[in-house]
């Protein structure tokens, strides 16, 4: 990231809505919001894999972003006037980042298995957690999470398609940028207005690519229905939850919590698909969860110290 201040936690909160859904969602706490978003993403990702034979990777991304943009714009009805040039610049960059993150990841999943793809992608947030944090202990938590991520990936990726690996690593870089600009957008726009506008930008950018790859297949009713479901599970719910969480959670802690994604994926595979976990995989999940808990406890402890310190 360019400067430490780009990902530094903000002490300002966006105005709370009087009685809408975002305020109720916010009552779950930032960590709960992140975990709920991760679970939603995994269900959406599994559904997206089944949709790829119908629409291709870029077609799935286009459907996902378009449906999510329509839903968010209808629900949020964001105000278009009264925003500064900087506000609009943040939203546009956020939208570009979101679209690139989705496109690169689905191109990766089209070439390599989902588990290794998520494992490689999460390296982006892990790197961000080290760069964004000013405390040495967060580097320890990031290192512990990194060890678990690589253990979950089998300790090596030499047998994977190099192009797929490159796409996954690129998606990880965009994921780190997404964290930064999601936090900035959340501070500049009320509720989820900024997210809705950014999603519209991402959809407009990717729709021509999806049409070029899938053509009229995108108009198939079953494909449209599945794409809409993927949009809700993989975009609308998790992005909204994460945006709300980033208003109260530092980017460095949020980035380490993102390391739970491979663990959630492995757990979902065991519970839903009957994929048994090996001892190595269970140990990897334990390392990742321990790192995430450590990061959260560190942040909570830091907040208590600040609260107990009298102001000058």
Protein backbone atom coordinates (compact mmCIF):
# COMPACT_ATOMS: atom_id res chain seq x y z
CA UNK A 1 0.00 0.00 0.00
CA UNK A 2 1.17 3.53 -0.64
CA UNK A 3 1.23 4.85 2.92
CA UNK A 4 0.40 3.48 6.36
CA UNK A 5 -2.47 5.94 6.61
CA UNK A 6 -4.15 4.25 3.64
CA UNK A 7 -5.17 1.36 5.83
CA UNK A 8 -5.11 2.90 9.26
CA UNK A 9 -8.30 2.46 11.30
CA UNK A 10 -10.60 5.42 11.33
CA UNK A 11 -12.10 6.87 14.46
CA UNK A 12 -15.03 8.26 12.51
CA UNK A 13 -18.18 6.31 11.91
CA UNK A 14 -20.66 6.75 9.12
CA UNK A 15 -24.06 7.95 10.28
CA UNK A 16 -26.12 5.05 11.52
CA UNK A 17 -29.37 4.46 9.68
CA UNK A 18 -32.47 5.11 11.73
CA UNK A 19 -33.88 1.63 11.59
CA UNK A 20 -32.73 -0.16 8.48
CA UNK A 21 -31.12 -3.52 7.96
CA UNK A 22 -27.51 -2.29 8.17
CA UNK A 23 -27.99 -1.15 11.78
CA UNK A 24 -29.38 -4.54 12.78
CA UNK A 25 -26.57 -6.32 10.97
CA UNK A 26 -24.07 -4.11 12.73
CA UNK A 27 -25.33 -5.36 16.11
CA UNK A 28 -23.60 -8.71 15.48
CA UNK A 29 -20.21 -7.07 15.95
CA UNK A 30 -17.45 -6.67 13.35
CA UNK A 31 -15.94 -10.13 13.84
CA UNK A 32 -19.34 -11.80 13.54
CA UNK A 33 -20.03 -9.84 10.36
CA UNK A 34 -16.75 -10.99 8.82
CA UNK A 35 -17.41 -14.64 9.71
CA UNK A 36 -20.96 -14.50 8.36
CA UNK A 37 -19.65 -12.98 5.15
CA UNK A 38 -17.04 -15.73 4.79
CA UNK A 39 -19.63 -18.47 5.18
CA UNK A 40 -21.87 -16.81 2.60
CA UNK A 41 -18.97 -16.55 0.15
CA UNK A 42 -18.20 -20.27 0.41
CA UNK A 43 -21.78 -21.29 -0.38
CA UNK A 44 -21.83 -18.83 -3.26
CA UNK A 45 -18.48 -20.09 -4.55
CA UNK A 46 -19.69 -23.68 -4.60
CA UNK A 47 -22.76 -22.64 -6.56
CA UNK A 48 -20.63 -20.60 -8.97
CA UNK A 49 -18.52 -23.65 -9.82
CA UNK A 50 -21.64 -25.48 -10.96
CA UNK A 51 -22.59 -22.49 -13.11
CA UNK A 52 -19.29 -22.22 -15.01
CA UNK A 53 -20.09 -24.92 -17.60
CA UNK A 54 -23.16 -22.88 -18.55
CA UNK A 55 -21.66 -19.40 -18.79
CA UNK A 56 -17.88 -19.61 -18.48
CA UNK A 57 -15.74 -17.81 -15.90
CA UNK A 58 -16.23 -14.30 -17.26
CA UNK A 59 -19.93 -14.93 -17.86
CA UNK A 60 -20.37 -15.96 -14.22
CA UNK A 61 -18.54 -12.85 -13.06
CA UNK A 62 -20.68 -10.61 -15.27
CA UNK A 63 -23.92 -12.19 -14.01
CA UNK A 64 -22.77 -12.04 -10.42
CA UNK A 65 -21.77 -8.38 -10.55
CA UNK A 66 -24.80 -7.27 -12.61
CA UNK A 67 -27.36 -9.01 -10.40
CA UNK A 68 -25.62 -7.76 -7.25
CA UNK A 69 -25.55 -4.20 -8.61
CA UNK A 70 -29.27 -4.29 -9.42
CA UNK A 71 -30.16 -5.62 -5.97
CA UNK A 72 -27.97 -3.12 -4.11
CA UNK A 73 -29.11 -0.14 -6.17
CA UNK A 74 -32.77 -1.03 -5.58
CA UNK A 75 -32.29 -1.62 -1.86
CA UNK A 76 -29.93 1.26 -1.06
CA UNK A 77 -31.15 3.82 -3.61
CA UNK A 78 -27.88 5.75 -3.16
CA UNK A 79 -27.89 9.53 -3.43
CA UNK A 80 -25.91 10.70 -6.47
CA UNK A 81 -25.57 14.36 -5.56
CA UNK A 82 -23.57 16.00 -2.81
CA UNK A 83 -20.42 13.89 -3.15
CA UNK A 84 -16.98 15.31 -3.75
CA UNK A 85 -14.66 14.39 -6.59
CA UNK A 86 -12.58 12.40 -4.11
CA UNK A 87 -15.69 10.46 -3.05
CA UNK A 88 -16.43 9.50 -6.64
CA UNK A 89 -12.80 8.63 -7.30
CA UNK A 90 -12.82 6.28 -4.32
CA UNK A 91 -16.00 4.57 -5.53
CA UNK A 92 -14.68 4.13 -9.07
CA UNK A 93 -11.39 2.63 -7.88
CA UNK A 94 -13.30 0.40 -5.45
CA UNK A 95 -15.49 -0.82 -8.31
CA UNK A 96 -12.51 -1.51 -10.57
CA UNK A 97 -10.79 -3.38 -7.75
CA UNK A 98 -13.90 -5.43 -7.02
CA UNK A 99 -14.36 -6.40 -10.64
CA UNK A 100 -10.71 -7.32 -11.09
CA UNK A 101 -10.73 -9.40 -7.89
CA UNK A 102 -13.75 -11.39 -9.06
CA UNK A 103 -12.53 -11.83 -12.62
CA UNK A 104 -9.03 -12.98 -11.66
CA UNK A 105 -10.35 -15.41 -9.05
CA UNK A 106 -12.85 -17.09 -11.35
CA UNK A 107 -10.20 -17.38 -14.05
CA UNK A 108 -8.03 -19.09 -11.44
CA UNK A 109 -10.81 -21.47 -10.37
CA UNK A 110 -11.33 -22.40 -14.03
CA UNK A 111 -7.73 -23.70 -14.10
CA UNK A 112 -6.88 -24.95 -10.59
CA UNK A 113 -8.92 -26.51 -7.73
CA UNK A 114 -10.91 -24.23 -5.46
CA UNK A 115 -8.91 -25.02 -2.31
CA UNK A 116 -5.48 -24.05 -3.65
CA UNK A 117 -7.02 -21.02 -5.39
CA UNK A 118 -8.46 -19.68 -2.13
CA UNK A 119 -5.22 -20.53 -0.34
CA UNK A 120 -3.14 -18.53 -2.81
CA UNK A 121 -5.65 -15.68 -2.93
CA UNK A 122 -5.60 -15.19 0.83
CA UNK A 123 -1.89 -14.38 0.70
CA UNK A 124 -2.88 -10.86 -0.40
CA UNK A 125 -4.76 -9.99 2.81
CA UNK A 126 -2.03 -11.65 4.86
CA UNK A 127 0.61 -9.46 3.26
CA UNK A 128 -1.61 -6.43 3.89
CA UNK A 129 -1.91 -7.31 7.57
CA UNK A 130 1.86 -7.07 7.97
CA UNK A 131 2.21 -3.87 5.93
CA UNK A 132 -0.74 -2.11 7.55
CA UNK A 133 0.02 -2.94 11.17
CA UNK A 134 2.37 -0.91 13.31
CA UNK A 135 2.62 -3.61 15.98
CA UNK A 136 5.18 -6.39 15.79
CA UNK A 137 2.77 -8.91 17.33
CA UNK A 138 0.52 -8.72 14.26
CA UNK A 139 3.41 -9.97 12.15
CA UNK A 140 3.45 -13.04 14.42
CA UNK A 141 -0.25 -13.65 13.86
CA UNK A 142 0.18 -13.17 10.13
CA UNK A 143 3.08 -15.63 10.09
CA UNK A 144 1.05 -18.21 12.01
CA UNK A 145 -1.87 -17.80 9.63
CA UNK A 146 0.48 -18.03 6.65
CA UNK A 147 1.88 -21.32 7.97
CA UNK A 148 -1.64 -22.69 8.30
CA UNK A 149 -2.61 -21.51 4.82
CA UNK A 150 0.36 -23.24 3.21
CA UNK A 151 -0.22 -26.37 5.28
CA UNK A 152 -3.83 -26.42 4.10
CA UNK A 153 -2.59 -26.09 0.54
CA UNK A 154 -0.44 -29.18 0.90
CA UNK A 155 2.82 -27.33 1.43
CA UNK A 156 3.43 -26.65 -2.24
CA UNK A 157 1.80 -25.70 -5.53
CA UNK A 158 4.33 -27.02 -8.07
CA UNK A 159 1.79 -29.31 -9.75
CA UNK A 160 -0.70 -26.54 -10.46
CA UNK A 161 -1.26 -24.73 -13.74
CA UNK A 162 1.11 -21.71 -13.65
CA UNK A 163 -1.48 -19.48 -15.30
CA UNK A 164 -4.06 -20.43 -12.69
CA UNK A 165 -1.56 -19.73 -9.92
CA UNK A 166 -0.80 -16.30 -11.43
CA UNK A 167 -4.52 -15.48 -11.62
CA UNK A 168 -5.00 -16.53 -7.98
CA UNK A 169 -2.07 -14.41 -6.80
CA UNK A 170 -3.42 -11.48 -8.82
CA UNK A 171 -6.80 -11.97 -7.17
CA UNK A 172 -5.04 -11.87 -3.79
CA UNK A 173 -3.43 -8.54 -4.65
CA UNK A 174 -6.82 -7.17 -5.67
CA UNK A 175 -8.33 -8.56 -2.46
CA UNK A 176 -5.82 -6.54 -0.44
CA UNK A 177 -6.73 -3.43 -2.45
CA UNK A 178 -10.42 -4.25 -1.97
CA UNK A 179 -9.94 -4.18 1.82
CA UNK A 180 -8.35 -0.74 1.66
CA UNK A 181 -10.94 0.83 -0.65
CA UNK A 182 -13.87 -0.87 1.06
CA UNK A 183 -12.82 0.82 4.29
CA UNK A 184 -12.39 4.18 2.54
CA UNK A 185 -15.75 3.87 0.80
CA UNK A 186 -17.49 2.92 4.03
CA UNK A 187 -16.19 6.07 5.68
CA UNK A 188 -17.22 8.37 2.82
CA UNK A 189 -20.73 7.04 2.09
CA UNK A 190 -23.61 6.29 4.48
CA UNK A 191 -24.88 2.74 4.94
CA UNK A 192 -24.04 0.66 1.84
CA UNK A 193 -24.49 3.46 -0.72
CA UNK A 194 -20.85 3.43 -1.77
CA UNK A 195 -20.88 -0.34 -2.17
CA UNK A 196 -23.94 -0.14 -4.43
CA UNK A 197 -22.30 2.47 -6.64
CA UNK A 198 -19.01 0.58 -6.78
CA UNK A 199 -20.83 -2.63 -7.70
CA UNK A 200 -22.50 -0.79 -10.57
CA UNK A 201 -19.08 0.36 -11.80
CA UNK A 202 -17.74 -3.22 -11.63
CA UNK A 203 -20.80 -4.58 -13.46
CA UNK A 204 -20.49 -2.05 -16.27
CA UNK A 205 -16.83 -2.93 -16.74
CA UNK A 206 -17.38 -6.69 -16.85
CA UNK A 207 -20.65 -6.96 -18.76
CA UNK A 208 -18.98 -6.62 -22.21
CA UNK A 209 -16.45 -9.32 -21.25
CA UNK A 210 -19.21 -11.67 -20.09
CA UNK A 211 -21.23 -11.11 -23.26
CA UNK A 212 -18.15 -11.75 -25.40
CA UNK A 213 -17.53 -15.10 -23.71
CA UNK A 214 -21.04 -16.43 -23.06
CA UNK A 215 -23.23 -14.56 -25.56
CA UNK A 216 -26.90 -15.48 -25.45
CA UNK A 217 -26.25 -18.21 -22.87
CA UNK A 218 -26.46 -15.44 -20.28
CA UNK A 219 -30.17 -15.07 -21.09
CA UNK A 220 -31.05 -18.67 -20.21
CA UNK A 221 -33.57 -18.58 -17.32
CA UNK A 222 -31.75 -21.23 -15.29
CA UNK A 223 -28.43 -19.46 -15.77
CA UNK A 224 -29.97 -16.14 -14.76
CA UNK A 225 -31.50 -17.69 -11.63
CA UNK A 226 -28.26 -19.37 -10.58
CA UNK A 227 -26.29 -16.22 -11.34
CA UNK A 228 -28.64 -14.18 -9.16
CA UNK A 229 -28.24 -16.65 -6.31
CA UNK A 230 -24.45 -16.47 -6.66
CA UNK A 231 -24.69 -12.67 -6.62
CA UNK A 232 -26.61 -12.62 -3.34
CA UNK A 233 -24.41 -15.21 -1.61
CA UNK A 234 -21.03 -14.14 -2.98
CA UNK A 235 -21.45 -10.38 -3.42
CA UNK A 236 -24.48 -8.70 -1.85
CA UNK A 237 -24.33 -10.31 1.59
CA UNK A 238 -20.56 -10.66 2.16
CA UNK A 239 -19.58 -7.29 0.70
CA UNK A 240 -22.23 -5.51 2.75
CA UNK A 241 -21.19 -7.33 5.91
CA UNK A 242 -17.51 -6.63 5.30
CA UNK A 243 -18.11 -2.95 4.57
CA UNK A 244 -19.99 -2.61 7.86
CA UNK A 245 -17.25 -4.52 9.70
CA UNK A 246 -14.47 -2.33 8.29
CA UNK A 247 -16.08 0.74 9.86
CA UNK A 248 -15.14 -0.64 13.28
CA UNK A 249 -12.32 -3.07 12.55
CA UNK A 250 -8.77 -2.06 11.53
CA UNK A 251 -7.70 -3.24 8.09
CA UNK A 252 -4.78 -5.19 9.59
CA UNK A 253 -7.06 -7.27 11.84
CA UNK A 254 -9.62 -7.69 9.07
CA UNK A 255 -6.90 -8.94 6.72
CA UNK A 256 -5.85 -11.68 9.13
CA UNK A 257 -9.49 -12.67 9.63
CA UNK A 258 -9.62 -13.22 5.87
CA UNK A 259 -7.22 -16.13 6.41
CA UNK A 260 -10.24 -18.00 7.77
CA UNK A 261 -11.55 -18.34 4.22
CA UNK A 262 -9.61 -21.55 3.38
CA UNK A 263 -10.58 -23.00 6.74
CA UNK A 264 -14.26 -22.21 6.17
CA UNK A 265 -14.03 -23.77 2.72
CA UNK A 266 -12.49 -26.97 4.08
CA UNK A 267 -15.08 -27.16 6.88
CA UNK A 268 -17.94 -26.60 4.44
CA UNK A 269 -16.56 -29.37 2.23
CA UNK A 270 -16.55 -31.73 5.20
CA UNK A 271 -20.04 -30.83 6.44
CA UNK A 272 -21.83 -30.46 3.10
CA UNK A 273 -19.87 -32.55 0.60
CA UNK A 274 -18.65 -35.26 2.96
CA UNK A 275 -14.98 -34.53 2.24
CA UNK A 276 -13.05 -35.95 5.19
CA UNK A 277 -10.35 -33.78 6.74
CA UNK A 278 -6.87 -35.23 7.14
CA UNK A 279 -4.79 -34.64 10.26
CA UNK A 280 -2.69 -32.14 8.32
CA UNK A 281 -5.74 -30.22 7.16
CA UNK A 282 -7.18 -30.15 10.67
CA UNK A 283 -3.87 -28.84 12.00
CA UNK A 284 -3.81 -26.16 9.30
CA UNK A 285 -7.31 -25.01 10.21
CA UNK A 286 -6.29 -24.85 13.87
CA UNK A 287 -3.30 -22.63 13.03
CA UNK A 288 -5.39 -20.26 10.93
CA UNK A 289 -8.15 -19.97 13.55
CA UNK A 290 -5.56 -19.43 16.31
CA UNK A 291 -4.00 -16.62 14.30
CA UNK A 292 -7.37 -14.97 13.74
CA UNK A 293 -8.32 -15.22 17.42
CA UNK A 294 -4.94 -13.82 18.40
CA UNK A 295 -5.35 -10.86 16.06
CA UNK A 296 -8.80 -10.08 17.42
CA UNK A 297 -7.69 -10.40 21.06
CA UNK A 298 -4.73 -8.12 20.36
CA UNK A 299 -7.01 -5.48 18.89
CA UNK A 300 -9.53 -5.77 21.72
CA UNK A 301 -6.76 -5.43 24.29
CA UNK A 302 -5.39 -2.39 22.48
CA UNK A 303 -8.84 -0.81 22.51
CA UNK A 304 -9.18 -1.39 26.27
CA UNK A 305 -5.83 0.25 26.92
CA UNK A 306 -6.90 3.28 24.88
CA UNK A 307 -10.22 3.48 26.73
CA UNK A 308 -8.46 3.36 30.12
CA UNK A 309 -5.86 5.98 29.19
CA UNK A 310 -6.98 9.46 30.32
CA UNK A 311 -6.97 12.12 27.68
CA UNK A 312 -4.37 14.86 27.95
